[in-house]
Structures are given as C-alpha cells and as structure tokens.
Protein backbone atom coordinates (compact mmCIF):
# COMPACT_ATOMS: atom_id res chain seq x y z
CA MET A 1 0.00 0.00 0.00
CA SER A 2 1.27 3.45 -0.87
CA LYS A 3 2.65 5.74 1.79
CA GLU A 4 1.51 8.79 -0.19
CA THR A 5 -1.34 10.83 1.22
CA ILE A 6 -3.99 12.96 -0.38
CA SER A 7 -3.23 16.59 0.38
CA ARG A 8 -5.74 18.75 2.20
CA THR A 9 -8.04 20.54 -0.20
CA SER A 10 -9.02 24.20 0.10
CA LEU A 11 -12.15 24.92 2.15
CA TYR A 12 -15.29 23.66 0.44
CA GLU A 13 -18.19 26.07 0.93
CA GLY A 14 -21.16 23.76 0.74
CA ASN A 15 -24.82 24.42 0.25
CA GLY A 16 -26.44 21.59 2.18
CA GLU A 17 -24.56 18.76 0.47
CA LYS A 18 -24.48 15.46 2.31
CA ILE A 19 -21.65 13.00 2.87
CA ALA A 20 -22.56 9.59 4.27
CA ILE A 21 -19.98 7.53 6.11
CA VAL A 22 -20.73 3.81 6.20
CA ALA A 23 -18.45 2.04 8.67
CA SER A 24 -18.21 -1.43 10.10
CA ARG A 25 -18.17 -2.04 13.83
CA TYR A 26 -15.88 -5.07 13.50
CA ASN A 27 -12.31 -4.33 14.61
CA GLU A 28 -13.98 -1.55 16.55
CA LYS A 29 -10.89 0.22 17.89
CA TYR A 30 -9.60 0.83 14.38
CA ALA A 31 -12.96 1.42 12.68
CA ASP A 32 -13.94 3.99 15.34
CA ALA A 33 -10.65 5.82 14.79
CA LEU A 34 -11.24 5.91 11.04
CA VAL A 35 -14.71 7.38 11.54
CA GLU A 36 -13.54 9.98 14.06
CA ASN A 37 -10.60 11.10 11.91
CA CYS A 38 -12.80 11.22 8.83
CA ARG A 39 -15.50 13.33 10.53
CA ASP A 40 -12.93 15.68 12.04
CA GLU A 41 -11.28 16.22 8.66
CA ILE A 42 -14.62 16.88 6.94
CA ARG A 43 -15.38 19.52 9.58
CA LYS A 44 -11.98 21.15 8.97
CA ILE A 45 -12.22 21.31 5.18
CA THR A 46 -15.92 22.06 4.62
CA ARG A 47 -18.66 24.43 5.69
CA GLY A 48 -22.34 23.80 5.03
CA VAL A 49 -21.94 20.05 4.45
CA ASN A 50 -23.99 17.54 6.44
CA VAL A 51 -22.43 14.28 7.61
CA GLU A 52 -24.38 11.11 8.37
CA VAL A 53 -22.68 8.10 9.94
CA VAL A 54 -24.22 4.65 9.53
CA ARG A 55 -22.63 1.70 11.34
CA VAL A 56 -22.98 -1.88 10.09
CA PRO A 57 -21.87 -5.13 11.76
CA GLY A 58 -18.91 -5.95 9.51
CA ALA A 59 -17.12 -5.05 6.30
CA PHE A 60 -19.22 -7.43 4.20
CA GLU A 61 -22.35 -5.41 4.99
CA ILE A 62 -20.87 -2.09 3.83
CA PRO A 63 -21.69 -2.35 0.09
CA MET A 64 -25.34 -3.23 0.76
CA MET A 65 -25.75 -0.19 3.02
CA VAL A 66 -23.99 2.08 0.50
CA ASN A 67 -26.45 0.87 -2.16
CA PHE A 68 -29.36 1.37 0.21
CA LEU A 69 -28.34 4.97 0.94
CA LEU A 70 -27.90 5.75 -2.75
CA HIS A 71 -30.90 3.85 -4.13
CA GLY A 72 -33.21 3.20 -1.19
CA THR A 73 -36.53 4.89 -0.74
CA ARG A 74 -36.03 6.38 2.71
CA GLY A 75 -37.40 9.74 1.64
CA GLU A 76 -34.17 11.45 2.70
CA LYS A 77 -31.69 13.38 0.59
CA THR A 78 -29.41 11.06 -1.33
CA PRO A 79 -25.76 11.52 -0.33
CA ASP A 80 -23.56 13.56 -2.65
CA ALA A 81 -20.64 11.31 -1.65
CA VAL A 82 -20.27 8.14 0.40
CA ILE A 83 -17.23 7.03 2.37
CA ALA A 84 -16.85 3.32 3.15
CA LEU A 85 -14.67 2.62 6.20
CA GLY A 86 -13.64 -0.66 7.76
CA VAL A 87 -10.74 -2.85 8.78
CA ILE A 88 -10.19 -6.44 7.70
CA LEU A 89 -7.21 -8.24 9.22
CA ARG A 90 -5.83 -11.20 7.29
CA GLY A 91 -5.86 -14.54 8.99
CA SER A 92 -4.59 -17.96 8.01
CA THR A 93 -7.31 -18.57 5.40
CA ALA A 94 -8.37 -16.83 2.18
CA HIS A 95 -11.56 -15.46 3.80
CA ALA A 96 -10.25 -11.90 4.26
CA ASP A 97 -9.04 -11.72 0.66
CA LEU A 98 -12.39 -12.95 -0.65
CA ILE A 99 -14.29 -10.39 1.43
CA GLY A 100 -11.90 -7.61 0.39
CA GLU A 101 -12.25 -8.43 -3.32
CA ALA A 102 -16.05 -8.63 -3.12
CA ILE A 103 -16.29 -5.28 -1.34
CA THR A 104 -13.95 -3.58 -3.80
CA ARG A 105 -15.83 -4.89 -6.80
CA GLU A 106 -19.25 -3.89 -5.45
CA LEU A 107 -18.20 -0.40 -4.28
CA LEU A 108 -16.70 0.33 -7.71
CA HIS A 109 -19.82 -0.96 -9.43
CA THR A 110 -22.04 1.15 -7.16
CA ALA A 111 -20.04 4.34 -7.80
CA CYS A 112 -20.11 3.84 -11.56
CA ARG A 113 -23.80 2.90 -11.63
CA SER A 114 -24.94 5.77 -9.40
CA LEU A 115 -22.41 8.35 -10.65
CA THR A 116 -21.92 9.28 -7.01
CA PRO A 117 -18.43 9.30 -5.48
CA VAL A 118 -17.90 6.25 -3.29
CA ILE A 119 -14.61 6.43 -1.42
CA HIS A 120 -13.24 2.99 -0.57
CA GLU A 121 -11.22 2.82 2.62
CA VAL A 122 -12.19 -0.66 3.74
CA LEU A 123 -8.66 -1.64 4.61
CA LEU A 124 -7.38 -5.17 4.07
CA LEU A 125 -4.33 -5.35 6.32
CA GLN A 126 -1.74 -7.93 7.27
CA ASN A 127 -1.70 -7.24 11.00
CA GLU A 128 -2.53 -4.88 13.84
CA GLU A 129 0.69 -2.93 13.34
CA GLN A 130 -0.56 -1.84 9.91
CA ALA A 131 -3.97 -1.05 11.41
CA GLN A 132 -2.35 1.14 14.07
CA GLU A 133 -0.37 3.04 11.43
CA ARG A 134 -3.29 3.60 9.05
CA CYS A 135 -6.13 4.16 11.52
CA LEU A 136 -4.50 5.71 14.58
CA GLY A 137 -1.38 7.24 13.06
CA GLU A 138 -0.75 10.89 12.43
CA GLN A 139 1.20 10.64 9.17
CA LEU A 140 -0.68 7.94 7.27
CA ASN A 141 -4.30 8.19 8.33
CA ARG A 142 -6.78 6.68 5.93
CA GLY A 143 -9.77 8.29 7.66
CA ARG A 144 -8.47 11.78 6.92
CA GLU A 145 -7.49 10.76 3.40
CA ALA A 146 -10.99 9.40 2.77
CA ALA A 147 -12.51 12.72 3.83
CA ARG A 148 -10.23 14.67 1.50
CA ALA A 149 -10.97 12.37 -1.43
CA ALA A 150 -14.73 12.60 -0.81
CA VAL A 151 -14.69 16.39 -0.70
CA GLU A 152 -12.54 16.61 -3.82
CA MET A 153 -14.81 14.25 -5.74
CA MET A 154 -17.93 15.99 -4.44
CA ARG A 155 -16.46 19.28 -5.63
CA LEU A 156 -15.99 17.77 -9.10
CA THR A 157 -19.43 16.15 -9.33
CA VAL A 158 -21.64 18.67 -7.50
CA ASP A 159 -19.87 21.89 -8.42
CA HIS A 160 -19.12 21.40 -12.12
CA THR A 161 -17.25 24.72 -12.30
CA SER A 162 -14.22 23.03 -10.68
CA TYR A 163 -13.29 20.93 -13.75
C-alpha cells in the first residue's frame, strides 16, 4: 500500500450537500478511529456540508448499506458522496481476501452505476501494526485521506465549475 497521502483541499463552501460515512463495527478500535478522523477532517475542510454516519456489523455489509443509501426509498436526501470505512485483518485462510475483493468490486460498481463518489477505505491489512499506522497514526491516516478524497470528488461532481 502506498505511503503517499492525499493533500488537504481548500475549504469547500457547501450548500447543504451530504456526505454519508458507512463504517463497520468489527475491529472496533480501528474502525472507530477511522470514523472519528474522517469526521474531524470533513469539519476542517468544509462548511455547510452535512455528515451522516451509519454503522454496520462488519465489512461485508458495507456495500449493501452504501447501495441502500444511494438507491433506497427512505425519503431522505441522497448523499452527494459516500465514504466506506472498515478494517479487515488477514488470517490464516483466504476469507479476508475474498471479502476484500467482493467489497472492492461492489463499491466500484455502485459508484459507476450511481455516478456518485464512493470512497473505498475498507482496509485489508496484514496485521494490527498496519492497522495502528493507518487508523490511529498521524502521518498515514486513511480516515483523513478518505474525507479529503470525498470532498474533492464531491467538488468535481456537484460543483461542475471546478473541472
């Protein structure tokens, strides 16, 4: 995985846009840190943007909830961007890889089908050391990076003058 980070974007002056964060509860310590860092970064780089956090049991449930938020009939505003957050730690079987591949494929399909930015930070990691670095670390924090990517993509898709 790259050690490069997405740089902080200039302040996004929103007009009621909505970003949904869909995060698993599994590997709670790391998932909670991703959510907190993501929300904090959105608050720092936007004004006038609403954030909704939806928690699901595990990483496998994330794509279904993303689809529900984008295509469901809840009567609420559809998100202008969705951020998928979770942590999968590899074990001694292929299960983690299969889950990771399925999530990646479905999130990409959902983004392309809905034409709504879906930021994929469901991390498939080797061990807890990598989770610490990417979820709790200051230099390489995937929660903050997800927020920056979502705002940048929302700027491109909602505010077409930024092309």
